[in-house]
Amino acid sequence: MAFIPVAAGCLGLTGQKGTFVQSVRPRLPTAGVGAAVTAARPMTMGGDRIATGGGFDNSANDAEGTLTTEWGAAIGDKDHSLVATPKGGLLLQDTVTLQQLSRFNRERIPERVVHARGTGAYGYFQAYGDESALTSAKFLSDTSIKTPLFCRFSMVTLSKSVAETVRDVRGFAVKMRTSQGIWDLVFNNLPVFFVRDQRHFVDVIHAFKPDPQSNLQDFDRVFDLMGALGGEATHMLTYLFSDHGIPASYQEMDGNSVHAYKFINADRKVTYVKLRWRSLAGIRNLTEEEAHALQADDLNHATRSLYMDIKQGKFPEYELQIQEMKPEQLDDFEFNPLDSTKHWPEDQFPYRPVGKMTLDELPPNFFEHTEQVAFSPANMLAGSIEASEDKLLQSRLVSYFSAHEYRVGTNRHLIPVNKPANETRHYHADGQMNTGENKGTLNYEPSLVHKAYTDEPKAKIYEQPLPSGTYVQEEINKTLNFKQAGDLYRSFSEKERANLVYNLECKLKMSTSDLIKNTMSSHFMKADEEYGTRVAEAIGADLETVKQMAAALEE
């Protein structure tokens, strides 16, 4: 009979008195260890706003009963491995130890490519009034409904280990568990994005990620790409390098849909909307100097602040607000309203509040909830809330779904944080970690002899009229790359303008390429002459060359 040695010769040895041993040192006093752990814990669990989980309770001083394996078998010695002699030689038959090591090696799932660093909380949403004239979504038309939700805030471009003080776009995603299904509002804190077509979305993320050779973030790569794109990122760069690029906390920032969506009412009438979560605590940002000072003491200030506020009963609140546009208005403006690099001017399309979100409970386990939550813009309420024709949004309908199938798994919808509140009925089958407890023999439809589930005509996807013509791969007609960036710059106070120029200077001045410096300065100058001049002078660009390049640019 063959055997596999774990350590050289260990299975051929006998222990003391001819037996294997599992006790080679005295046990440490349990009470003393527990007391030390409890004393080191900065935040106690008693009375905290922690959501109730479905598993066991590992809270300090609350663990009762016998330690078991994952399979429920009692563990006879929780401190020592089974060895051939007191000197060592781990045995294969110590399955508890070997399974523990094997399980440990699989504790991590793939990191999100974007939005890797994040934190979250549970809460609820309540509508202010009746929005049935706009949408058939019931929870938006009944003030008595408290819709449960999970909200996750995140850093967009860098890894899970990044400090929460870095200049980066923040994600603001909310999973609404409505009576009609899941609605995922996958927003950012800034109202626009770098590109309008998904073809360059991956390039944007690659440019912000560390250099594949040195593994160091290099803003020369960012500005090289942004300059080569011809100016469509100017609006977003102006937001990102302003004070808005470093929110002081997640409680003090807004969440913006960026894209337009469609609200559809019972009469099948469509209204295009943009949405935002408006922080009722107000907006507060950090300067570069304030962020550096904070980072020296705490890499996790935003998560810590959110947790402490909820623990202390200071529940963050955000008002859901919408802008409305009729389909016949889409061609009435100098910009394309379905362009993700543009916002809808508030003087023409004022926001109005439709409800409020309150975050009042923390997840009982970070991994099971915050890490495994799977958002997707494709999770909408067909016939009530649907996607617009925005080209960048259309790609996200596919990419998020695909990312979470890879990262969390085919049956991620069965994980409690992702599970719909309403009963689900479908014929999807099997897959890894399927715990749906499906019953019966029918896993297809239609059927001649079995009763099958029916469809719901009210949930039919809106039939969007299309213009006659041909498939195209071309730029949109109304790019207007610079005007809104200039309007944004002029809306800033002098202090905010100075901070913006300084923040750009810190990154652009390090560039070794005069072409990058001159190109980026020309984009800012095309947006606003003062803006471009101040940046060009700050980074040492050739002002005359910049003026010539700006004059050659078209909106």
Protein backbone atom coordinates (compact mmCIF):
# COMPACT_ATOMS: atom_id res chain seq x y z
CA MET A 1 0.00 0.00 0.00
CA ALA A 2 1.43 3.38 -0.98
CA PHE A 3 1.46 6.34 1.34
CA ILE A 4 2.24 10.05 0.96
CA PRO A 5 4.81 11.40 3.44
CA VAL A 6 3.95 14.79 4.91
CA ALA A 7 7.41 15.15 6.45
CA ALA A 8 10.36 12.92 5.64
CA GLY A 9 9.94 9.55 7.39
CA CYS A 10 7.16 10.78 9.69
CA LEU A 11 4.64 8.03 8.93
CA GLY A 12 7.18 5.33 9.68
CA LEU A 13 7.72 6.51 13.25
CA THR A 14 5.94 5.68 16.46
CA GLY A 15 5.16 8.10 19.23
CA GLN A 16 5.79 7.74 22.94
CA LYS A 17 4.64 4.32 24.18
CA GLY A 18 3.89 3.41 20.56
CA THR A 19 1.12 5.94 20.03
CA PHE A 20 0.53 9.06 18.03
CA VAL A 21 0.34 12.20 20.20
CA GLN A 22 -1.68 15.40 20.15
CA SER A 23 -0.54 17.20 23.27
CA VAL A 24 3.00 18.49 23.43
CA ARG A 25 2.73 21.65 25.50
CA PRO A 26 0.59 22.92 28.36
CA ARG A 27 -2.57 24.83 27.51
CA LEU A 28 -2.49 28.57 27.96
CA PRO A 29 -5.03 29.98 30.43
CA THR A 30 -8.10 30.64 28.28
CA ALA A 31 -9.43 33.49 30.41
CA GLY A 32 -6.18 35.38 30.19
CA VAL A 33 -6.02 35.14 26.39
CA GLY A 34 -9.64 36.21 26.03
CA ALA A 35 -9.12 39.15 28.35
CA ALA A 36 -6.12 40.32 26.34
CA VAL A 37 -8.04 40.17 23.05
CA THR A 38 -11.00 41.99 24.51
CA ALA A 39 -8.81 44.71 25.96
CA ALA A 40 -7.14 45.28 22.58
CA ARG A 41 -10.46 45.63 20.76
CA PRO A 42 -11.09 49.34 20.08
CA MET A 43 -14.86 49.06 19.66
CA THR A 44 -17.10 46.78 21.72
CA MET A 45 -19.99 44.82 20.29
CA GLY A 46 -22.55 45.34 23.03
CA GLY A 47 -25.39 47.64 21.95
CA ASP A 48 -23.87 48.35 18.52
CA ARG A 49 -25.98 48.77 15.39
CA ILE A 50 -24.93 45.45 13.85
CA ALA A 51 -27.36 43.75 11.49
CA THR A 52 -28.35 40.22 12.53
CA GLY A 53 -26.54 37.58 10.51
CA GLY A 54 -27.70 34.05 9.84
CA GLY A 55 -24.60 32.24 11.13
CA PHE A 56 -22.87 31.69 14.46
CA ASP A 57 -21.81 34.48 16.80
CA ASN A 58 -18.05 34.96 17.25
CA SER A 59 -18.42 38.13 19.32
CA ALA A 60 -15.94 38.60 22.16
CA ASN A 61 -17.07 36.93 25.44
CA ASP A 62 -20.22 35.60 23.73
CA ALA A 63 -18.96 32.28 22.32
CA GLU A 64 -20.62 29.33 24.04
CA GLY A 65 -20.47 25.58 23.33
CA THR A 66 -17.98 23.21 21.82
CA LEU A 67 -15.71 24.13 18.93
CA THR A 68 -16.58 22.08 15.83
CA THR A 69 -15.39 21.59 12.29
CA GLU A 70 -17.33 23.15 9.40
CA TRP A 71 -19.12 19.82 9.17
CA GLY A 72 -20.34 19.87 12.76
CA ALA A 73 -17.99 17.34 14.34
CA ALA A 74 -16.64 18.26 17.79
CA ILE A 75 -12.93 19.05 18.06
CA GLY A 76 -11.18 17.20 20.87
CA ASP A 77 -7.99 19.26 21.05
CA LYS A 78 -8.18 22.75 19.63
CA ASP A 79 -4.57 23.68 20.41
CA HIS A 80 -2.42 20.87 19.00
CA SER A 81 -1.92 19.06 15.72
CA LEU A 82 -1.70 15.25 15.55
CA VAL A 83 1.99 14.32 15.23
CA ALA A 84 4.03 11.13 15.13
CA THR A 85 6.32 12.13 18.02
CA PRO A 86 6.48 14.98 20.51
CA LYS A 87 9.21 16.43 18.30
CA GLY A 88 6.90 16.70 15.29
CA GLY A 89 5.91 14.97 12.08
CA LEU A 90 2.39 16.02 11.14
CA LEU A 91 0.12 13.12 10.16
CA LEU A 92 -2.18 13.04 7.16
CA GLN A 93 -4.99 11.62 9.27
CA ASP A 94 -5.18 14.92 11.21
CA THR A 95 -7.89 16.04 8.82
CA VAL A 96 -8.96 18.90 11.08
CA THR A 97 -5.57 20.61 10.74
CA LEU A 98 -5.17 19.83 7.04
CA GLN A 99 -8.68 21.03 6.20
CA GLN A 100 -8.08 24.18 8.22
CA LEU A 101 -4.99 24.97 6.14
CA SER A 102 -6.75 24.11 2.89
CA ARG A 103 -9.72 26.29 3.86
CA PHE A 104 -7.41 29.15 4.81
CA ASN A 105 -5.80 29.08 1.36
CA ARG A 106 -9.23 29.68 -0.17
CA GLU A 107 -10.53 32.46 2.04
CA ARG A 108 -10.12 35.10 -0.64
CA ILE A 109 -12.13 35.56 -3.80
CA PRO A 110 -10.83 37.57 -6.76
CA GLU A 111 -10.49 41.25 -5.98
CA ARG A 112 -12.76 43.62 -7.87
CA VAL A 113 -10.88 45.11 -10.83
CA VAL A 114 -12.60 48.42 -10.08
CA HIS A 115 -14.19 49.51 -6.78
CA ALA A 116 -11.92 47.11 -4.85
CA ARG A 117 -11.59 49.20 -1.67
CA GLY A 118 -14.98 49.70 -0.05
CA THR A 119 -17.21 49.68 2.98
CA GLY A 120 -20.94 49.36 3.42
CA ALA A 121 -24.03 49.49 5.59
CA TYR A 122 -27.65 48.37 5.63
CA GLY A 123 -30.56 50.76 5.68
CA TYR A 124 -33.91 51.58 4.15
CA PHE A 125 -35.58 53.94 1.69
CA GLN A 126 -38.91 55.71 1.91
CA ALA A 127 -40.61 57.72 -0.81
CA TYR A 128 -41.84 61.24 -0.16
CA GLY A 129 -44.92 61.00 -2.36
CA ASP A 130 -46.59 59.38 -5.37
CA GLU A 131 -44.39 59.07 -8.46
CA SER A 132 -46.78 56.82 -10.40
CA ALA A 133 -47.08 59.50 -13.09
CA LEU A 134 -43.43 58.79 -13.89
CA THR A 135 -42.88 55.11 -13.07
CA SER A 136 -44.69 51.91 -12.18
CA ALA A 137 -42.12 51.19 -9.46
CA LYS A 138 -44.39 50.71 -6.46
CA PHE A 139 -41.88 51.65 -3.78
CA LEU A 140 -41.57 55.14 -5.31
CA SER A 141 -45.32 55.75 -5.03
CA ASP A 142 -46.17 54.56 -1.51
CA THR A 143 -44.84 56.54 1.44
CA SER A 144 -45.63 53.70 3.85
CA ILE A 145 -43.17 51.29 2.23
CA LYS A 146 -39.73 50.99 3.88
CA THR A 147 -37.58 49.38 1.18
CA PRO A 148 -34.59 47.51 2.67
CA LEU A 149 -31.25 48.14 1.04
CA PHE A 150 -27.50 47.70 1.23
CA CYS A 151 -25.18 50.58 0.36
CA ARG A 152 -21.50 50.21 -0.55
CA PHE A 153 -19.06 53.10 -0.89
CA SER A 154 -15.78 52.50 -2.67
CA MET A 155 -12.61 53.78 -4.30
CA VAL A 156 -12.80 53.19 -8.03
CA THR A 157 -9.40 52.67 -9.62
CA LEU A 158 -6.84 51.30 -7.14
CA SER A 159 -6.51 48.15 -5.01
CA LYS A 160 -8.10 47.06 -1.72
CA SER A 161 -5.10 48.28 0.26
CA VAL A 162 -5.21 51.90 -0.93
CA ALA A 163 -5.63 54.69 1.64
CA GLU A 164 -9.04 56.34 1.73
CA THR A 165 -7.42 59.75 1.33
CA VAL A 166 -6.17 59.32 -2.25
CA ARG A 167 -7.53 61.41 -5.10
CA ASP A 168 -9.89 59.05 -6.87
CA VAL A 169 -13.47 58.70 -7.99
CA ARG A 170 -15.71 57.25 -5.25
CA GLY A 171 -18.32 54.61 -5.95
CA PHE A 172 -21.77 54.95 -4.38
CA ALA A 173 -23.82 51.80 -5.01
CA VAL A 174 -27.20 50.95 -3.50
CA LYS A 175 -29.02 47.61 -3.76
CA MET A 176 -32.76 48.22 -3.31
CA ARG A 177 -34.69 45.06 -2.37
CA THR A 178 -38.09 46.12 -3.69
CA SER A 179 -41.29 44.05 -3.90
CA GLN A 180 -40.78 43.96 -7.69
CA GLY A 181 -37.19 42.77 -7.56
CA ILE A 182 -33.70 44.18 -7.13
CA TRP A 183 -32.85 47.66 -8.36
CA ASP A 184 -29.12 48.40 -8.25
CA LEU A 185 -28.23 52.09 -8.35
CA VAL A 186 -24.54 51.91 -9.28
CA PHE A 187 -23.43 55.53 -9.00
CA ASN A 188 -20.26 57.61 -8.52
CA ASN A 189 -19.71 60.66 -6.35
CA LEU A 190 -18.90 62.80 -9.42
CA PRO A 191 -21.66 63.55 -11.96
CA VAL A 192 -19.73 62.82 -15.18
CA PHE A 193 -17.10 60.37 -16.46
CA PHE A 194 -13.88 60.44 -18.49
CA VAL A 195 -15.23 58.86 -21.69
CA ARG A 196 -18.57 58.51 -23.46
CA ASP A 197 -17.94 55.21 -25.27
CA GLN A 198 -17.08 51.91 -23.59
CA ARG A 199 -14.28 51.28 -26.11
CA HIS A 200 -11.92 53.37 -23.96
CA PHE A 201 -13.29 52.52 -20.51
CA VAL A 202 -10.75 49.73 -20.03
CA ASP A 203 -7.97 52.06 -21.22
CA VAL A 204 -8.94 54.62 -18.57
CA ILE A 205 -8.76 52.04 -15.80
CA HIS A 206 -5.45 50.65 -17.11
CA ALA A 207 -3.96 54.16 -17.18
CA PHE A 208 -4.91 54.83 -13.55
CA LYS A 209 -3.71 51.40 -12.39
CA PRO A 210 -0.02 50.92 -11.55
CA ASP A 211 2.43 50.63 -14.42
CA PRO A 212 2.55 46.91 -15.40
CA GLN A 213 6.34 46.97 -15.34
CA SER A 214 7.11 48.91 -12.14
CA ASN A 215 3.79 48.42 -10.31
CA LEU A 216 3.83 52.15 -9.50
CA GLN A 217 1.01 54.54 -10.31
CA ASP A 218 2.26 57.05 -12.89
CA PHE A 219 0.11 60.06 -13.80
CA ASP A 220 2.15 60.52 -16.98
CA ARG A 221 0.24 57.48 -18.22
CA VAL A 222 -3.08 59.08 -17.20
CA PHE A 223 -2.40 62.38 -18.93
CA ASP A 224 -0.93 60.67 -21.98
CA LEU A 225 -4.25 58.88 -22.49
CA MET A 226 -6.43 61.87 -21.60
CA GLY A 227 -4.50 64.10 -23.99
CA ALA A 228 -4.72 61.55 -26.79
CA LEU A 229 -8.50 61.30 -26.33
CA GLY A 230 -8.75 64.84 -27.68
CA GLY A 231 -10.50 66.61 -24.81
CA GLU A 232 -13.55 64.55 -23.88
CA ALA A 233 -12.10 63.92 -20.40
CA THR A 234 -11.60 67.65 -19.63
CA HIS A 235 -14.86 68.00 -17.70
CA MET A 236 -14.16 64.94 -15.52
CA LEU A 237 -10.52 65.92 -14.91
CA THR A 238 -11.69 69.32 -13.71
CA TYR A 239 -13.95 67.62 -11.18
CA LEU A 240 -11.37 65.03 -10.12
CA PHE A 241 -8.54 67.50 -9.51
CA SER A 242 -10.79 69.97 -7.74
CA ASP A 243 -11.50 69.60 -4.03
CA HIS A 244 -14.29 67.16 -5.03
CA GLY A 245 -11.58 64.58 -5.80
CA ILE A 246 -11.06 63.81 -2.09
CA PRO A 247 -14.33 63.65 -0.12
CA ALA A 248 -13.87 64.12 3.64
CA SER A 249 -16.17 61.18 4.40
CA TYR A 250 -18.72 58.95 2.73
CA GLN A 251 -21.43 60.65 4.79
CA GLU A 252 -20.47 64.00 3.26
CA MET A 253 -20.54 63.25 -0.45
CA ASP A 254 -23.25 62.82 -3.07
CA GLY A 255 -23.87 59.88 -5.39
CA ASN A 256 -24.63 60.57 -9.08
CA SER A 257 -26.10 58.26 -11.70
CA VAL A 258 -23.80 59.79 -14.40
CA HIS A 259 -26.02 58.11 -17.01
CA ALA A 260 -29.62 58.86 -17.89
CA TYR A 261 -32.23 56.18 -17.24
CA LYS A 262 -35.83 55.71 -18.32
CA PHE A 263 -38.78 55.86 -15.96
CA ILE A 264 -41.88 54.19 -17.46
CA ASN A 265 -45.39 54.60 -16.10
CA ALA A 266 -48.44 52.35 -16.35
CA ASP A 267 -49.46 54.01 -19.63
CA ARG A 268 -46.06 53.10 -21.11
CA LYS A 269 -45.01 56.74 -21.22
CA VAL A 270 -41.25 57.29 -20.92
CA THR A 271 -39.40 60.03 -19.09
CA TYR A 272 -35.61 60.24 -19.16
CA VAL A 273 -34.16 60.89 -15.72
CA LYS A 274 -30.84 61.51 -14.06
CA LEU A 275 -30.62 60.71 -10.37
CA ARG A 276 -28.47 61.63 -7.42
CA TRP A 277 -28.19 60.85 -3.74
CA ARG A 278 -27.89 64.22 -2.01
CA SER A 279 -26.11 64.03 1.33
CA LEU A 280 -28.24 65.66 4.02
CA ALA A 281 -25.05 66.25 6.00
CA GLY A 282 -23.77 68.47 3.19
CA ILE A 283 -20.65 68.08 1.08
CA ARG A 284 -17.20 68.42 2.64
CA ASN A 285 -13.93 67.78 0.86
CA LEU A 286 -10.25 67.63 1.77
CA THR A 287 -7.43 69.67 0.32
CA GLU A 288 -4.27 67.85 -0.71
CA GLU A 289 -2.52 69.02 2.46
CA GLU A 290 -5.41 67.96 4.71
CA ALA A 291 -5.49 64.53 3.06
CA HIS A 292 -1.75 64.03 3.55
CA ALA A 293 -1.96 65.00 7.21
CA LEU A 294 -4.90 62.65 7.79
CA GLN A 295 -3.24 59.79 5.93
CA ALA A 296 -0.22 59.98 8.21
CA ASP A 297 -2.42 58.89 11.12
CA ASP A 298 -5.19 56.80 9.54
CA LEU A 299 -5.42 54.97 6.22
CA ASN A 300 -9.04 54.01 6.93
CA HIS A 301 -10.58 57.26 8.11
CA ALA A 302 -13.69 57.08 5.90
CA THR A 303 -14.64 53.55 6.92
CA ARG A 304 -13.94 54.32 10.56
CA SER A 305 -16.08 57.46 10.41
CA LEU A 306 -19.03 55.62 8.83
CA TYR A 307 -18.89 52.79 11.38
CA MET A 308 -18.58 55.13 14.34
CA ASP A 309 -21.49 57.33 13.22
CA ILE A 310 -23.82 54.35 12.84
CA LYS A 311 -22.67 52.83 16.14
CA GLN A 312 -23.42 56.13 17.88
CA GLY A 313 -26.86 56.48 16.30
CA LYS A 314 -25.84 59.28 13.91
CA PHE A 315 -27.43 57.59 10.93
CA PRO A 316 -26.29 58.96 7.53
CA GLU A 317 -29.16 60.21 5.37
CA TYR A 318 -29.29 60.87 1.64
CA GLU A 319 -32.14 62.31 -0.39
CA LEU A 320 -32.89 60.70 -3.75
CA GLN A 321 -33.38 63.49 -6.30
CA ILE A 322 -34.19 63.33 -10.00
CA GLN A 323 -33.98 65.46 -13.12
CA GLU A 324 -36.58 64.86 -15.82
CA MET A 325 -36.40 65.16 -19.61
CA LYS A 326 -39.00 64.25 -22.22
CA PRO A 327 -37.87 62.04 -25.13
CA GLU A 328 -38.74 64.77 -27.62
CA GLN A 329 -36.25 67.08 -25.90
CA LEU A 330 -33.18 64.91 -26.50
CA ASP A 331 -32.11 66.82 -29.64
CA ASP A 332 -32.89 70.31 -28.34
CA PHE A 333 -29.48 71.10 -26.85
CA GLU A 334 -25.95 71.87 -27.96
CA PHE A 335 -24.82 68.71 -26.14
CA ASN A 336 -26.05 65.12 -26.24
CA PRO A 337 -28.02 64.41 -23.03
CA LEU A 338 -27.01 60.74 -23.25
CA ASP A 339 -23.29 61.60 -23.19
CA SER A 340 -21.69 60.44 -19.92
CA THR A 341 -19.16 63.29 -20.01
CA LYS A 342 -21.99 65.84 -19.59
CA HIS A 343 -24.41 66.82 -16.87
CA TRP A 344 -27.85 68.32 -17.42
CA PRO A 345 -27.78 72.02 -16.43
CA GLU A 346 -29.78 72.47 -13.24
CA ASP A 347 -31.22 75.79 -14.36
CA GLN A 348 -32.98 73.94 -17.18
CA PHE A 349 -33.55 70.64 -15.40
CA PRO A 350 -33.82 71.26 -11.66
CA TYR A 351 -33.46 68.34 -9.28
CA ARG A 352 -36.45 67.50 -7.15
CA PRO A 353 -36.53 65.12 -4.17
CA VAL A 354 -38.50 61.86 -4.35
CA GLY A 355 -37.42 60.04 -1.16
CA LYS A 356 -34.79 59.46 1.49
CA MET A 357 -32.29 56.72 2.32
CA THR A 358 -31.18 56.11 5.91
CA LEU A 359 -28.21 53.88 6.79
CA ASP A 360 -28.76 52.46 10.28
CA GLU A 361 -27.11 49.01 10.54
CA LEU A 362 -23.61 47.66 10.00
CA PRO A 363 -22.99 44.28 8.35
CA PRO A 364 -22.22 41.54 10.91
CA ASN A 365 -19.36 40.24 8.75
CA PHE A 366 -17.40 42.34 6.26
CA PHE A 367 -16.58 39.56 3.82
CA GLU A 368 -20.00 37.94 3.69
CA HIS A 369 -21.78 41.20 3.07
CA THR A 370 -19.57 44.07 1.87
CA GLU A 371 -17.14 41.93 -0.11
CA GLN A 372 -19.67 39.50 -1.62
CA VAL A 373 -22.33 42.06 -2.51
CA ALA A 374 -22.71 42.06 -6.30
CA PHE A 375 -24.09 45.20 -7.94
CA SER A 376 -25.03 45.49 -11.59
CA PRO A 377 -26.72 48.32 -13.52
CA ALA A 378 -28.54 45.52 -15.36
CA ASN A 379 -30.59 44.88 -12.21
CA MET A 380 -33.54 47.14 -12.95
CA LEU A 381 -37.31 46.85 -12.81
CA ALA A 382 -38.31 46.17 -16.43
CA GLY A 383 -41.39 48.10 -17.43
CA SER A 384 -40.76 50.61 -14.64
CA ILE A 385 -37.06 51.56 -14.67
CA GLU A 386 -34.85 50.82 -17.66
CA ALA A 387 -31.54 51.82 -19.25
CA SER A 388 -31.20 54.68 -21.69
CA GLU A 389 -29.27 54.47 -24.94
CA ASP A 390 -26.12 55.90 -23.31
CA LYS A 391 -23.27 53.94 -24.93
CA LEU A 392 -21.20 53.68 -21.75
CA LEU A 393 -24.19 52.53 -19.70
CA GLN A 394 -25.06 49.88 -22.28
CA SER A 395 -21.62 48.29 -21.84
CA ARG A 396 -21.94 48.33 -18.04
CA LEU A 397 -25.13 46.28 -18.31
CA VAL A 398 -22.93 43.39 -19.46
CA SER A 399 -19.59 43.99 -17.76
CA TYR A 400 -20.80 44.12 -14.14
CA PHE A 401 -22.85 40.95 -14.52
CA SER A 402 -19.89 39.16 -16.06
CA ALA A 403 -17.46 40.44 -13.42
CA HIS A 404 -19.52 39.12 -10.52
CA GLU A 405 -20.18 35.77 -12.19
CA TYR A 406 -16.40 35.35 -12.26
CA ARG A 407 -15.69 36.93 -8.87
CA VAL A 408 -18.52 35.62 -6.66
CA GLY A 409 -20.11 32.87 -8.73
CA THR A 410 -23.09 31.84 -10.79
CA ASN A 411 -25.38 31.62 -7.76
CA ARG A 412 -24.37 34.93 -6.17
CA HIS A 413 -28.06 35.89 -6.07
CA LEU A 414 -28.55 33.30 -3.29
CA ILE A 415 -26.11 35.04 -0.94
CA PRO A 416 -28.23 36.88 1.65
CA VAL A 417 -26.87 40.36 0.85
CA ASN A 418 -27.78 39.87 -2.82
CA LYS A 419 -31.01 37.91 -2.42
CA PRO A 420 -34.20 39.59 -3.65
CA ALA A 421 -36.88 40.35 -1.07
CA ASN A 422 -39.65 39.02 -3.30
CA GLU A 423 -40.16 35.39 -4.31
CA THR A 424 -38.19 34.44 -7.41
CA ARG A 425 -39.46 31.95 -10.02
CA HIS A 426 -37.26 30.86 -12.90
CA TYR A 427 -35.80 27.84 -14.65
CA HIS A 428 -32.10 28.53 -14.13
CA ALA A 429 -30.41 25.40 -12.84
CA ASP A 430 -27.43 24.06 -10.96
CA GLY A 431 -24.01 25.77 -10.92
CA GLN A 432 -21.50 25.91 -8.10
CA MET A 433 -22.82 26.54 -4.58
CA ASN A 434 -26.47 26.26 -5.57
CA THR A 435 -28.52 26.33 -2.35
CA GLY A 436 -31.82 27.33 -3.90
CA GLU A 437 -33.54 24.10 -2.84
CA ASN A 438 -35.29 23.80 -6.19
CA LYS A 439 -38.01 21.16 -6.27
CA GLY A 440 -39.93 19.33 -8.97
CA THR A 441 -39.11 17.98 -12.40
CA LEU A 442 -39.93 20.95 -14.62
CA ASN A 443 -36.87 23.06 -15.44
CA TYR A 444 -37.97 24.32 -18.84
CA GLU A 445 -40.85 26.15 -20.47
CA PRO A 446 -43.24 26.12 -22.28
CA SER A 447 -44.86 22.76 -21.66
CA LEU A 448 -47.83 20.92 -23.14
CA VAL A 449 -48.61 18.87 -20.05
CA HIS A 450 -47.30 20.89 -17.09
CA LYS A 451 -48.41 24.21 -15.71
CA ALA A 452 -45.60 26.70 -16.21
CA TYR A 453 -44.95 30.20 -14.90
CA THR A 454 -46.55 33.01 -16.87
CA ASP A 455 -45.12 36.32 -18.01
CA GLU A 456 -46.21 39.78 -16.88
CA PRO A 457 -47.12 42.12 -19.77
CA LYS A 458 -46.63 45.16 -17.52
CA ALA A 459 -42.96 44.23 -17.14
CA LYS A 460 -42.35 44.06 -20.88
CA ILE A 461 -39.33 46.08 -21.94
CA TYR A 462 -40.24 49.41 -23.49
CA GLU A 463 -40.37 49.26 -27.29
CA GLN A 464 -37.91 51.98 -28.26
CA PRO A 465 -38.44 53.44 -31.77
CA LEU A 466 -35.21 53.42 -33.79
CA PRO A 467 -34.25 55.80 -36.61
CA SER A 468 -33.98 54.18 -40.01
CA GLY A 469 -30.43 53.87 -41.28
CA THR A 470 -27.37 51.69 -40.89
CA TYR A 471 -25.17 50.41 -38.10
CA VAL A 472 -22.43 52.92 -37.32
CA GLN A 473 -19.11 53.12 -35.52
CA GLU A 474 -18.50 56.84 -35.22
CA GLU A 475 -18.30 59.76 -32.83
CA ILE A 476 -21.51 61.41 -31.64
CA ASN A 477 -22.52 64.61 -33.42
CA LYS A 478 -22.44 66.95 -30.41
CA THR A 479 -19.23 66.36 -28.49
CA LEU A 480 -18.98 69.78 -26.76
CA ASN A 481 -15.85 68.63 -24.98
CA PHE A 482 -14.85 71.84 -23.23
CA LYS A 483 -17.79 74.16 -22.52
CA GLN A 484 -19.12 72.46 -19.38
CA ALA A 485 -15.56 72.13 -18.02
CA GLY A 486 -15.18 75.91 -18.41
CA ASP A 487 -18.53 76.54 -16.75
CA LEU A 488 -17.43 74.34 -13.84
CA TYR A 489 -14.13 76.20 -13.45
CA ARG A 490 -15.88 79.56 -13.42
CA SER A 491 -18.33 78.32 -10.78
CA PHE A 492 -15.46 77.74 -8.33
CA SER A 493 -14.34 80.33 -5.80
CA GLU A 494 -10.83 81.73 -6.16
CA LYS A 495 -9.63 79.39 -3.42
CA GLU A 496 -11.17 76.39 -5.21
CA ARG A 497 -9.57 77.49 -8.52
CA ALA A 498 -6.17 77.82 -6.86
CA ASN A 499 -6.53 74.33 -5.33
CA LEU A 500 -7.50 72.88 -8.72
CA VAL A 501 -4.47 74.39 -10.45
CA TYR A 502 -2.18 73.29 -7.63
CA ASN A 503 -3.50 69.72 -7.71
CA LEU A 504 -2.94 69.51 -11.48
CA GLU A 505 0.50 71.07 -11.08
CA CYS A 506 1.53 68.40 -8.57
CA LYS A 507 0.92 65.64 -11.12
CA LEU A 508 1.61 67.32 -14.48
CA LYS A 509 4.83 69.04 -13.44
CA MET A 510 6.47 65.64 -12.99
CA SER A 511 5.87 64.76 -16.65
CA THR A 512 8.99 64.41 -18.78
CA SER A 513 6.97 65.06 -21.95
CA ASP A 514 6.50 68.61 -23.24
CA LEU A 515 3.84 67.26 -25.59
CA ILE A 516 1.75 65.97 -22.66
CA LYS A 517 2.17 69.24 -20.75
CA ASN A 518 1.26 71.41 -23.73
CA THR A 519 -1.65 69.22 -24.83
CA MET A 520 -3.29 69.08 -21.41
CA SER A 521 -2.79 72.83 -20.90
CA SER A 522 -4.43 73.48 -24.27
CA HIS A 523 -7.49 71.44 -23.25
CA PHE A 524 -7.87 73.46 -20.07
CA MET A 525 -7.33 76.69 -22.02
CA LYS A 526 -10.02 75.72 -24.52
CA ALA A 527 -12.38 75.32 -21.55
CA ASP A 528 -11.37 78.66 -20.04
CA GLU A 529 -8.47 80.92 -20.98
CA GLU A 530 -7.59 81.76 -17.39
CA TYR A 531 -7.78 78.10 -16.41
CA GLY A 532 -5.39 76.98 -19.14
CA THR A 533 -3.01 79.87 -18.63
CA ARG A 534 -2.67 79.22 -14.90
CA VAL A 535 -2.02 75.52 -15.44
CA ALA A 536 0.48 76.15 -18.27
CA GLU A 537 2.45 78.63 -16.19
CA ALA A 538 2.39 76.38 -13.12
CA ILE A 539 3.81 73.33 -14.92
CA GLY A 540 6.24 75.17 -17.20
CA ALA A 541 4.43 74.53 -20.49
CA ASP A 542 5.16 76.72 -23.53
CA LEU A 543 2.36 79.27 -23.35
CA GLU A 544 2.50 80.31 -27.00
CA THR A 545 2.41 76.70 -28.15
CA VAL A 546 -0.49 76.04 -25.79
CA LYS A 547 -2.45 78.98 -27.22
CA GLN A 548 -1.92 77.74 -30.77
CA MET A 549 -2.98 74.21 -29.86
CA ALA A 550 -6.09 75.49 -28.04
CA ALA A 551 -7.09 77.63 -31.00
CA ALA A 552 -6.97 74.55 -33.25
CA LEU A 553 -9.28 72.53 -31.02
CA GLU A 554 -12.96 72.13 -31.81
CA GLU A 555 -15.75 71.66 -29.28
